[in-house]
Amino acid sequence: MATTGEWIQGARPRTLPAAIAPVLVGTGIAQHLDSLNVGRALLALVVALALQAGVNFANDYSDGIRGTDHVRVGPVRLVGQGLAKPHLVKRAAFLMFAIAMASGFTLVLLTQAWWLLIVGAASIAAAWFYTGGSRPYGYAGFGELFVFIFFGIVPVMGTAYVQTLELTLGSFIASIGVGALACSILITNNLRDIPGDTEHGKRTLAVRIGDQRTRTLYIFSIACAFVVPAVLVIPFGPWALLGYAATPWIFLPIKLIRRGARGPALIPVLKATGILLLVYGVMLGLGLSL
């Protein structure tokens, strides 16, 4: 029987910045447009956090029953390590999805934007079929693409929209930076798991392109994120450059990636990248709001 602490670790709290950062940036955009709505921002945050925890539990369940989590480096695997029954982990994933749906439906009622139901359904489907179903897209190398969309574009633009009721080019550009950093978390995770994923036939993008190109992709993703604040000066003004206050947090993970860190040595990269994303979200969101 898993302890409370193990259940919390099973939700992979180090990945939660990928849920918080886009909401901060989207809310900064809303403030810039004089449309800040704290209640709707908090509901968007609940949606994002619940989806993040849900996809983590769903990943734990699906990888666990497939046997790809039996020998892994990194966070607790509830199913793979035999700490919890598979059906309980699956139930935890569905509970998180239910919380996300309830909060999202409340936002739909408040905004009367019924098309958001389609976005919500797509988000939950993406969360489940990352490693779930008979043909999980995460096993085919499309994980980074979906993370970019559903942890970058969708939450940033969605958070801004439910407050402003506008879809703008500025919010799309801002979402690129957040999405790129969210991808860098997954890239690190998949880089660490190349040996085990290769053995179990999990053809992630890292497995497909190899160790060295995956490291190059990580650095490229970071670089893309740090181009964005300069571009955002055009629609938002010079305060957008406050996003560069996150620059000191890029040096440690890039140094470890360039020096060839592998296995457990990549865990600090995951932690540092999560912190980088959170600081980036805070500072960019603040800059856009100003």
C-alpha atoms as a PDB file:
ATOM      1  CA  MET A   1       0.000   0.000   0.000  1.00  0.00           C
ATOM      2  CA  ALA A   2       1.510   3.324  -1.089  1.00  0.00           C
ATOM      3  CA  THR A   3       1.955   5.968   1.578  1.00  0.00           C
ATOM      4  CA  THR A   4       0.618   9.502   1.263  1.00  0.00           C
ATOM      5  CA  GLY A   5       4.125  10.699   0.485  1.00  0.00           C
ATOM      6  CA  GLU A   6       4.512   8.116  -2.277  1.00  0.00           C
ATOM      7  CA  TRP A   7       1.186   9.153  -3.824  1.00  0.00           C
ATOM      8  CA  ILE A   8       2.382  12.758  -3.802  1.00  0.00           C
ATOM      9  CA  GLN A   9       5.639  11.716  -5.438  1.00  0.00           C
ATOM     10  CA  GLY A  10       3.630   9.670  -7.946  1.00  0.00           C
ATOM     11  CA  ALA A  11       1.997  12.914  -9.057  1.00  0.00           C
ATOM     12  CA  ARG A  12       5.546  14.111  -9.881  1.00  0.00           C
ATOM     13  CA  PRO A  13       5.471  17.558  -8.251  1.00  0.00           C
ATOM     14  CA  ARG A  14       8.657  18.598 -10.063  1.00  0.00           C
ATOM     15  CA  THR A  15       6.629  18.747 -13.280  1.00  0.00           C
ATOM     16  CA  LEU A  16       4.018  21.125 -11.843  1.00  0.00           C
ATOM     17  CA  PRO A  17       5.836  24.275 -13.063  1.00  0.00           C
ATOM     18  CA  ALA A  18       4.703  23.140 -16.531  1.00  0.00           C
ATOM     19  CA  ALA A  19       1.145  23.768 -15.307  1.00  0.00           C
ATOM     20  CA  ILE A  20       1.759  26.949 -13.314  1.00  0.00           C
ATOM     21  CA  ALA A  21       3.943  28.903 -15.763  1.00  0.00           C
ATOM     22  CA  PRO A  22       1.451  29.117 -18.663  1.00  0.00           C
ATOM     23  CA  VAL A  23      -1.315  30.344 -16.351  1.00  0.00           C
ATOM     24  CA  LEU A  24       0.985  33.068 -15.004  1.00  0.00           C
ATOM     25  CA  VAL A  25       1.881  34.201 -18.509  1.00  0.00           C
ATOM     26  CA  GLY A  26      -1.713  34.109 -19.723  1.00  0.00           C
ATOM     27  CA  THR A  27      -2.818  36.092 -16.685  1.00  0.00           C
ATOM     28  CA  GLY A  28      -0.077  38.648 -17.319  1.00  0.00           C
ATOM     29  CA  ILE A  29      -1.500  39.134 -20.809  1.00  0.00           C
ATOM     30  CA  ALA A  30      -4.983  39.623 -19.351  1.00  0.00           C
ATOM     31  CA  GLN A  31      -3.665  42.247 -16.932  1.00  0.00           C
ATOM     32  CA  HIS A  32      -1.950  44.056 -19.807  1.00  0.00           C
ATOM     33  CA  LEU A  33      -5.310  44.251 -21.581  1.00  0.00           C
ATOM     34  CA  ASP A  34      -7.047  45.505 -18.404  1.00  0.00           C
ATOM     35  CA  SER A  35      -9.084  42.312 -18.206  1.00  0.00           C
ATOM     36  CA  LEU A  36      -7.616  40.584 -15.149  1.00  0.00           C
ATOM     37  CA  ASN A  37     -10.140  38.225 -13.528  1.00  0.00           C
ATOM     38  CA  VAL A  38      -8.616  36.485 -10.520  1.00  0.00           C
ATOM     39  CA  GLY A  39     -11.436  33.956 -10.190  1.00  0.00           C
ATOM     40  CA  ARG A  40     -11.107  32.776 -13.779  1.00  0.00           C
ATOM     41  CA  ALA A  41      -7.312  32.714 -13.495  1.00  0.00           C
ATOM     42  CA  LEU A  42      -7.569  30.449 -10.440  1.00  0.00           C
ATOM     43  CA  LEU A  43      -9.972  28.134 -12.245  1.00  0.00           C
ATOM     44  CA  ALA A  44      -7.541  27.956 -15.163  1.00  0.00           C
ATOM     45  CA  LEU A  45      -4.779  27.083 -12.693  1.00  0.00           C
ATOM     46  CA  VAL A  46      -6.871  24.249 -11.226  1.00  0.00           C
ATOM     47  CA  VAL A  47      -7.474  22.905 -14.746  1.00  0.00           C
ATOM     48  CA  ALA A  48      -3.758  23.022 -15.557  1.00  0.00           C
ATOM     49  CA  LEU A  49      -2.609  21.448 -12.280  1.00  0.00           C
ATOM     50  CA  ALA A  50      -5.232  18.694 -12.436  1.00  0.00           C
ATOM     51  CA  LEU A  51      -4.321  17.840 -16.029  1.00  0.00           C
ATOM     52  CA  GLN A  52      -0.617  17.741 -15.145  1.00  0.00           C
ATOM     53  CA  ALA A  53      -1.192  15.423 -12.186  1.00  0.00           C
ATOM     54  CA  GLY A  54      -3.641  13.391 -14.272  1.00  0.00           C
ATOM     55  CA  VAL A  55      -1.215  12.803 -17.102  1.00  0.00           C
ATOM     56  CA  ASN A  56       1.473  11.813 -14.588  1.00  0.00           C
ATOM     57  CA  PHE A  57      -0.782   9.219 -12.940  1.00  0.00           C
ATOM     58  CA  ALA A  58      -1.981   8.026 -16.362  1.00  0.00           C
ATOM     59  CA  ASN A  59       1.635   7.675 -17.505  1.00  0.00           C
ATOM     60  CA  ASP A  60       2.483   5.740 -14.322  1.00  0.00           C
ATOM     61  CA  TYR A  61      -0.468   3.402 -14.879  1.00  0.00           C
ATOM     62  CA  SER A  62       0.040   2.780 -18.604  1.00  0.00           C
ATOM     63  CA  ASP A  63       3.818   2.332 -18.442  1.00  0.00           C
ATOM     64  CA  GLY A  64       3.420   0.182 -15.340  1.00  0.00           C
ATOM     65  CA  ILE A  65       1.029  -2.326 -16.885  1.00  0.00           C
ATOM     66  CA  ARG A  66       3.190  -2.481 -20.020  1.00  0.00           C
ATOM     67  CA  GLY A  67       6.262  -3.282 -17.937  1.00  0.00           C
ATOM     68  CA  THR A  68       8.321  -0.321 -19.158  1.00  0.00           C
ATOM     69  CA  ASP A  69       8.658   1.116 -15.638  1.00  0.00           C
ATOM     70  CA  HIS A  70      10.173  -1.874 -13.870  1.00  0.00           C
ATOM     71  CA  VAL A  71      13.729  -0.557 -14.159  1.00  0.00           C
ATOM     72  CA  ARG A  72      13.769   3.239 -14.289  1.00  0.00           C
ATOM     73  CA  VAL A  73      15.842   6.067 -12.873  1.00  0.00           C
ATOM     74  CA  GLY A  74      13.932   8.999 -11.437  1.00  0.00           C
ATOM     75  CA  PRO A  75      10.698   9.623  -9.550  1.00  0.00           C
ATOM     76  CA  VAL A  76       8.499   7.078  -7.790  1.00  0.00           C
ATOM     77  CA  ARG A  77       6.606   4.700 -10.092  1.00  0.00           C
ATOM     78  CA  LEU A  78       3.547   3.555  -8.186  1.00  0.00           C
ATOM     79  CA  VAL A  79       2.649   0.667 -10.492  1.00  0.00           C
ATOM     80  CA  GLY A  80       6.106  -0.214 -11.791  1.00  0.00           C
ATOM     81  CA  GLN A  81       7.528  -0.483  -8.268  1.00  0.00           C
ATOM     82  CA  GLY A  82       4.512  -2.356  -6.937  1.00  0.00           C
ATOM     83  CA  LEU A  83       3.589   0.410  -4.507  1.00  0.00           C
ATOM     84  CA  ALA A  84      -0.074   0.685  -5.585  1.00  0.00           C
ATOM     85  CA  LYS A  85      -2.564  -1.447  -7.465  1.00  0.00           C
ATOM     86  CA  PRO A  86      -2.885  -0.425 -11.134  1.00  0.00           C
ATOM     87  CA  HIS A  87      -6.635   0.215 -10.881  1.00  0.00           C
ATOM     88  CA  LEU A  88      -6.072   2.656  -8.010  1.00  0.00           C
ATOM     89  CA  VAL A  89      -3.531   4.648 -10.012  1.00  0.00           C
ATOM     90  CA  LYS A  90      -5.901   4.666 -12.989  1.00  0.00           C
ATOM     91  CA  ARG A  91      -8.651   5.899 -10.661  1.00  0.00           C
ATOM     92  CA  ALA A  92      -6.363   8.686  -9.423  1.00  0.00           C
ATOM     93  CA  ALA A  93      -5.752   9.768 -13.031  1.00  0.00           C
ATOM     94  CA  PHE A  94      -9.488   9.840 -13.772  1.00  0.00           C
ATOM     95  CA  LEU A  95     -10.143  11.780 -10.555  1.00  0.00           C
ATOM     96  CA  MET A  96      -7.673  14.446 -11.690  1.00  0.00           C
ATOM     97  CA  PHE A  97      -9.306  14.541 -15.109  1.00  0.00           C
ATOM     98  CA  ALA A  98     -12.713  14.938 -13.455  1.00  0.00           C
ATOM     99  CA  ILE A  99     -11.440  17.907 -11.425  1.00  0.00           C
ATOM    100  CA  ALA A 100     -10.048  19.458 -14.607  1.00  0.00           C
ATOM    101  CA  MET A 101     -13.356  18.911 -16.414  1.00  0.00           C
ATOM    102  CA  ALA A 102     -15.421  20.425 -13.594  1.00  0.00           C
ATOM    103  CA  SER A 103     -13.220  23.517 -13.406  1.00  0.00           C
ATOM    104  CA  GLY A 104     -13.096  23.822 -17.177  1.00  0.00           C
ATOM    105  CA  PHE A 105     -16.871  23.506 -17.496  1.00  0.00           C
ATOM    106  CA  THR A 106     -17.255  26.277 -14.935  1.00  0.00           C
ATOM    107  CA  LEU A 107     -15.091  28.489 -17.138  1.00  0.00           C
ATOM    108  CA  VAL A 108     -17.237  27.592 -20.144  1.00  0.00           C
ATOM    109  CA  LEU A 109     -20.364  28.642 -18.254  1.00  0.00           C
ATOM    110  CA  LEU A 110     -18.757  31.896 -17.155  1.00  0.00           C
ATOM    111  CA  THR A 111     -17.496  32.806 -20.632  1.00  0.00           C
ATOM    112  CA  GLN A 112     -20.259  31.168 -22.688  1.00  0.00           C
ATOM    113  CA  ALA A 113     -17.457  30.033 -25.014  1.00  0.00           C
ATOM    114  CA  TRP A 114     -18.837  26.565 -25.735  1.00  0.00           C
ATOM    115  CA  TRP A 115     -16.076  25.748 -28.205  1.00  0.00           C
ATOM    116  CA  LEU A 116     -13.771  25.454 -25.184  1.00  0.00           C
ATOM    117  CA  LEU A 117     -15.454  22.101 -24.495  1.00  0.00           C
ATOM    118  CA  ILE A 118     -13.698  20.758 -27.603  1.00  0.00           C
ATOM    119  CA  VAL A 119     -10.362  22.098 -26.376  1.00  0.00           C
ATOM    120  CA  GLY A 120     -10.941  20.510 -22.983  1.00  0.00           C
ATOM    121  CA  ALA A 121     -11.856  17.151 -24.469  1.00  0.00           C
ATOM    122  CA  ALA A 122      -8.764  17.247 -26.689  1.00  0.00           C
ATOM    123  CA  SER A 123      -6.583  18.087 -23.672  1.00  0.00           C
ATOM    124  CA  ILE A 124      -7.859  15.110 -21.679  1.00  0.00           C
ATOM    125  CA  ALA A 125      -7.521  12.804 -24.678  1.00  0.00           C
ATOM    126  CA  ALA A 126      -3.939  13.997 -25.173  1.00  0.00           C
ATOM    127  CA  ALA A 127      -3.203  13.370 -21.489  1.00  0.00           C
ATOM    128  CA  TRP A 128      -4.540   9.809 -21.573  1.00  0.00           C
ATOM    129  CA  PHE A 129      -3.252   8.659 -24.961  1.00  0.00           C
ATOM    130  CA  TYR A 130       0.310   9.882 -24.327  1.00  0.00           C
ATOM    131  CA  THR A 131       1.053   6.405 -22.985  1.00  0.00           C
ATOM    132  CA  GLY A 132      -2.477   4.934 -22.861  1.00  0.00           C
ATOM    133  CA  GLY A 133      -4.501   3.055 -25.429  1.00  0.00           C
ATOM    134  CA  SER A 134      -3.337   0.534 -27.998  1.00  0.00           C
ATOM    135  CA  ARG A 135      -1.177   3.028 -29.940  1.00  0.00           C
ATOM    136  CA  PRO A 136       0.167   5.654 -27.507  1.00  0.00           C
ATOM    137  CA  TYR A 137       1.667   8.612 -29.333  1.00  0.00           C
ATOM    138  CA  GLY A 138       4.374   9.002 -26.679  1.00  0.00           C
ATOM    139  CA  TYR A 139       5.742   5.640 -27.801  1.00  0.00           C
ATOM    140  CA  ALA A 140       5.916   6.885 -31.399  1.00  0.00           C
ATOM    141  CA  GLY A 141       8.004  10.011 -30.799  1.00  0.00           C
ATOM    142  CA  PHE A 142       5.257  12.660 -30.742  1.00  0.00           C
ATOM    143  CA  GLY A 143       5.385  13.492 -27.034  1.00  0.00           C
ATOM    144  CA  GLU A 144       7.255  16.772 -27.440  1.00  0.00           C
ATOM    145  CA  LEU A 145       4.834  18.033 -30.081  1.00  0.00           C
ATOM    146  CA  PHE A 146       1.817  17.424 -27.859  1.00  0.00           C
ATOM    147  CA  VAL A 147       3.536  18.928 -24.814  1.00  0.00           C
ATOM    148  CA  PHE A 148       4.283  22.053 -26.860  1.00  0.00           C
ATOM    149  CA  ILE A 149       0.613  22.303 -27.820  1.00  0.00           C
ATOM    150  CA  PHE A 150      -1.096  21.326 -24.568  1.00  0.00           C
ATOM    151  CA  PHE A 151       1.384  22.755 -22.055  1.00  0.00           C
ATOM    152  CA  GLY A 152       2.295  25.811 -24.105  1.00  0.00           C
ATOM    153  CA  ILE A 153      -0.147  27.085 -26.700  1.00  0.00           C
ATOM    154  CA  VAL A 154      -3.410  25.841 -25.156  1.00  0.00           C
ATOM    155  CA  PRO A 155      -2.932  26.903 -21.511  1.00  0.00           C
ATOM    156  CA  VAL A 156      -1.336  30.296 -22.241  1.00  0.00           C
ATOM    157  CA  MET A 157      -3.870  31.300 -24.876  1.00  0.00           C
ATOM    158  CA  GLY A 158      -6.697  29.620 -22.960  1.00  0.00           C
ATOM    159  CA  THR A 159      -5.897  31.424 -19.698  1.00  0.00           C
ATOM    160  CA  ALA A 160      -5.686  34.749 -21.511  1.00  0.00           C
ATOM    161  CA  TYR A 161      -8.890  34.062 -23.456  1.00  0.00           C
ATOM    162  CA  VAL A 162     -11.138  33.179 -20.504  1.00  0.00           C
ATOM    163  CA  GLN A 163     -10.250  36.566 -19.004  1.00  0.00           C
ATOM    164  CA  THR A 164     -10.098  38.785 -22.093  1.00  0.00           C
ATOM    165  CA  LEU A 165     -12.388  36.857 -24.494  1.00  0.00           C
ATOM    166  CA  GLU A 166      -9.782  37.551 -27.181  1.00  0.00           C
ATOM    167  CA  LEU A 167      -7.329  35.349 -29.062  1.00  0.00           C
ATOM    168  CA  THR A 168      -4.314  37.471 -29.945  1.00  0.00           C
ATOM    169  CA  LEU A 169      -1.049  37.071 -31.799  1.00  0.00           C
ATOM    170  CA  GLY A 170       0.775  38.271 -28.684  1.00  0.00           C
ATOM    171  CA  SER A 171      -0.618  35.426 -26.580  1.00  0.00           C
ATOM    172  CA  PHE A 172       0.381  32.935 -29.270  1.00  0.00           C
ATOM    173  CA  ILE A 173       3.969  34.239 -29.348  1.00  0.00           C
ATOM    174  CA  ALA A 174       4.162  34.124 -25.550  1.00  0.00           C
ATOM    175  CA  SER A 175       2.912  30.524 -25.590  1.00  0.00           C
ATOM    176  CA  ILE A 176       5.863  29.499 -27.777  1.00  0.00           C
ATOM    177  CA  GLY A 177       8.358  30.344 -25.036  1.00  0.00           C
ATOM    178  CA  VAL A 178       6.428  28.457 -22.362  1.00  0.00           C
ATOM    179  CA  GLY A 179       5.842  25.497 -24.665  1.00  0.00           C
ATOM    180  CA  ALA A 180       9.523  25.279 -25.575  1.00  0.00           C
ATOM    181  CA  LEU A 181      10.560  25.109 -21.921  1.00  0.00           C
ATOM    182  CA  ALA A 182       7.838  22.570 -21.130  1.00  0.00           C
ATOM    183  CA  CYS A 183       9.243  20.464 -23.988  1.00  0.00           C
ATOM    184  CA  SER A 184      12.715  20.741 -22.490  1.00  0.00           C
ATOM    185  CA  ILE A 185      11.457  18.973 -19.352  1.00  0.00           C
ATOM    186  CA  LEU A 186      10.170  16.053 -21.417  1.00  0.00           C
ATOM    187  CA  ILE A 187      13.323  16.035 -23.539  1.00  0.00           C
ATOM    188  CA  THR A 188      15.420  15.646 -20.385  1.00  0.00           C
ATOM    189  CA  ASN A 189      13.168  12.891 -19.085  1.00  0.00           C
ATOM    190  CA  ASN A 190      13.356  10.977 -22.363  1.00  0.00           C
ATOM    191  CA  LEU A 191      17.113  11.510 -22.638  1.00  0.00           C
ATOM    192  CA  ARG A 192      17.531   9.921 -19.218  1.00  0.00           C
ATOM    193  CA  ASP A 193      15.319   6.968 -20.205  1.00  0.00           C
ATOM    194  CA  ILE A 194      16.874   6.174 -23.606  1.00  0.00           C
ATOM    195  CA  PRO A 195      18.422   2.837 -22.468  1.00  0.00           C
ATOM    196  CA  GLY A 196      15.249   1.505 -20.834  1.00  0.00           C
ATOM    197  CA  ASP A 197      12.924   2.844 -23.528  1.00  0.00           C
ATOM    198  CA  THR A 198      15.068   1.279 -26.252  1.00  0.00           C
ATOM    199  CA  GLU A 199      14.958  -2.071 -24.474  1.00  0.00           C
ATOM    200  CA  HIS A 200      11.164  -1.991 -24.157  1.00  0.00           C
ATOM    201  CA  GLY A 201      10.458  -0.713 -27.673  1.00  0.00           C
ATOM    202  CA  LYS A 202       9.334   2.740 -26.562  1.00  0.00           C
ATOM    203  CA  ARG A 203      10.322   4.842 -29.582  1.00  0.00           C
ATOM    204  CA  THR A 204      10.397   8.299 -28.034  1.00  0.00           C
ATOM    205  CA  LEU A 205      11.903  11.148 -30.006  1.00  0.00           C
ATOM    206  CA  ALA A 206      15.075  10.780 -27.929  1.00  0.00           C
ATOM    207  CA  VAL A 207      15.340   7.110 -28.891  1.00  0.00           C
ATOM    208  CA  ARG A 208      14.745   7.949 -32.546  1.00  0.00           C
ATOM    209  CA  ILE A 209      17.323  10.725 -32.879  1.00  0.00           C
ATOM    210  CA  GLY A 210      19.874   9.453 -30.363  1.00  0.00           C
ATOM    211  CA  ASP A 211      21.674  10.830 -27.337  1.00  0.00           C
ATOM    212  CA  GLN A 212      23.722  13.629 -28.905  1.00  0.00           C
ATOM    213  CA  ARG A 213      20.949  15.087 -31.042  1.00  0.00           C
ATOM    214  CA  THR A 214      18.603  14.990 -28.056  1.00  0.00           C
ATOM    215  CA  ARG A 215      21.092  17.120 -26.117  1.00  0.00           C
ATOM    216  CA  THR A 216      21.214  19.562 -29.030  1.00  0.00           C
ATOM    217  CA  LEU A 217      17.415  19.638 -29.089  1.00  0.00           C
ATOM    218  CA  TYR A 218      17.344  20.496 -25.383  1.00  0.00           C
ATOM    219  CA  ILE A 219      19.631  23.498 -25.897  1.00  0.00           C
ATOM    220  CA  PHE A 220      17.645  24.551 -28.979  1.00  0.00           C
ATOM    221  CA  SER A 221      14.401  24.502 -26.964  1.00  0.00           C
ATOM    222  CA  ILE A 222      15.929  26.704 -24.273  1.00  0.00           C
ATOM    223  CA  ALA A 223      17.233  29.095 -26.933  1.00  0.00           C
ATOM    224  CA  CYS A 224      13.787  29.345 -28.567  1.00  0.00           C
ATOM    225  CA  ALA A 225      12.218  30.284 -25.244  1.00  0.00           C
ATOM    226  CA  PHE A 226      14.709  33.099 -24.740  1.00  0.00           C
ATOM    227  CA  VAL A 227      14.083  34.609 -28.163  1.00  0.00           C
ATOM    228  CA  VAL A 228      10.431  35.141 -27.255  1.00  0.00           C
ATOM    229  CA  PRO A 229      10.741  38.060 -24.766  1.00  0.00           C
ATOM    230  CA  ALA A 230      12.559  40.151 -27.382  1.00  0.00           C
ATOM    231  CA  VAL A 231       9.796  39.490 -29.917  1.00  0.00           C
ATOM    232  CA  LEU A 232       7.131  40.333 -27.340  1.00  0.00           C
ATOM    233  CA  VAL A 233       8.525  43.857 -27.007  1.00  0.00           C
ATOM    234  CA  ILE A 234       6.598  44.711 -30.202  1.00  0.00           C
ATOM    235  CA  PRO A 235       3.068  43.996 -28.892  1.00  0.00           C
ATOM    236  CA  PHE A 236       3.692  44.499 -25.158  1.00  0.00           C
ATOM    237  CA  GLY A 237       6.525  46.999 -24.787  1.00  0.00           C
ATOM    238  CA  PRO A 238       9.962  46.850 -23.134  1.00  0.00           C
ATOM    239  CA  TRP A 239       8.723  45.317 -19.870  1.00  0.00           C
ATOM    240  CA  ALA A 240       8.475  42.003 -21.762  1.00  0.00           C
ATOM    241  CA  LEU A 241      12.264  41.854 -21.471  1.00  0.00           C
ATOM    242  CA  LEU A 242      11.770  41.058 -17.796  1.00  0.00           C
ATOM    243  CA  GLY A 243      11.541  37.464 -18.995  1.00  0.00           C
ATOM    244  CA  TYR A 244      15.325  37.558 -19.299  1.00  0.00           C
ATOM    245  CA  ALA A 245      15.545  37.722 -15.505  1.00  0.00           C
ATOM    246  CA  ALA A 246      15.306  33.911 -15.714  1.00  0.00           C
ATOM    247  CA  THR A 247      18.638  33.737 -17.591  1.00  0.00           C
ATOM    248  CA  PRO A 248      20.779  32.763 -14.537  1.00  0.00           C
ATOM    249  CA  TRP A 249      18.767  29.546 -14.259  1.00  0.00           C
ATOM    250  CA  ILE A 250      19.823  28.246 -17.688  1.00  0.00           C
ATOM    251  CA  PHE A 251      23.514  27.754 -16.950  1.00  0.00           C
ATOM    252  CA  LEU A 252      23.450  24.693 -14.664  1.00  0.00           C
ATOM    253  CA  PRO A 253      21.181  22.462 -16.770  1.00  0.00           C
ATOM    254  CA  ILE A 254      22.913  23.396 -20.025  1.00  0.00           C
ATOM    255  CA  LYS A 255      26.316  22.720 -18.450  1.00  0.00           C
ATOM    256  CA  LEU A 256      25.211  19.263 -17.297  1.00  0.00           C
ATOM    257  CA  ILE A 257      23.636  18.475 -20.672  1.00  0.00           C
ATOM    258  CA  ARG A 258      26.768  19.554 -22.569  1.00  0.00           C
ATOM    259  CA  ARG A 259      29.024  17.548 -20.250  1.00  0.00           C
ATOM    260  CA  GLY A 260      27.145  14.363 -21.072  1.00  0.00           C
ATOM    261  CA  ALA A 261      25.233  13.727 -17.843  1.00  0.00           C
ATOM    262  CA  ARG A 262      23.393  10.396 -17.966  1.00  0.00           C
ATOM    263  CA  GLY A 263      21.045   8.382 -15.800  1.00  0.00           C
ATOM    264  CA  PRO A 264      20.762   9.705 -12.229  1.00  0.00           C
ATOM    265  CA  ALA A 265      23.051  12.629 -13.153  1.00  0.00           C
ATOM    266  CA  LEU A 266      20.186  14.014 -15.265  1.00  0.00           C
ATOM    267  CA  ILE A 267      17.823  14.308 -12.287  1.00  0.00           C
ATOM    268  CA  PRO A 268      19.337  17.708 -11.315  1.00  0.00           C
ATOM    269  CA  VAL A 269      18.712  18.814 -14.916  1.00  0.00           C
ATOM    270  CA  LEU A 270      15.026  17.934 -14.565  1.00  0.00           C
ATOM    271  CA  LYS A 271      14.797  19.851 -11.304  1.00  0.00           C
ATOM    272  CA  ALA A 272      16.693  22.854 -12.659  1.00  0.00           C
ATOM    273  CA  THR A 273      14.605  22.950 -15.846  1.00  0.00           C
ATOM    274  CA  GLY A 274      11.400  22.917 -13.820  1.00  0.00           C
ATOM    275  CA  ILE A 275      12.667  25.834 -11.724  1.00  0.00           C
ATOM    276  CA  LEU A 276      13.747  27.638 -14.890  1.00  0.00           C
ATOM    277  CA  LEU A 277      10.260  27.282 -16.362  1.00  0.00           C
ATOM    278  CA  LEU A 278       8.629  28.551 -13.177  1.00  0.00           C
ATOM    279  CA  VAL A 279      10.928  31.586 -12.897  1.00  0.00           C
ATOM    280  CA  TYR A 280      10.458  32.291 -16.615  1.00  0.00           C
ATOM    281  CA  GLY A 281       6.685  32.139 -16.190  1.00  0.00           C
ATOM    282  CA  VAL A 282       6.743  34.433 -13.163  1.00  0.00           C
ATOM    283  CA  MET A 283       9.032  37.028 -14.685  1.00  0.00           C
ATOM    284  CA  LEU A 284       7.556  36.985 -18.200  1.00  0.00           C
ATOM    285  CA  GLY A 285       4.039  37.104 -16.790  1.00  0.00           C
ATOM    286  CA  LEU A 286       5.003  40.061 -14.589  1.00  0.00           C
ATOM    287  CA  GLY A 287       6.677  41.821 -17.506  1.00  0.00           C
ATOM    288  CA  LEU A 288       3.651  41.395 -19.749  1.00  0.00           C
ATOM    289  CA  SER A 289       1.319  42.649 -17.028  1.00  0.00           C
ATOM    290  CA  LEU A 290       3.394  45.843 -16.722  1.00  0.00           C
END
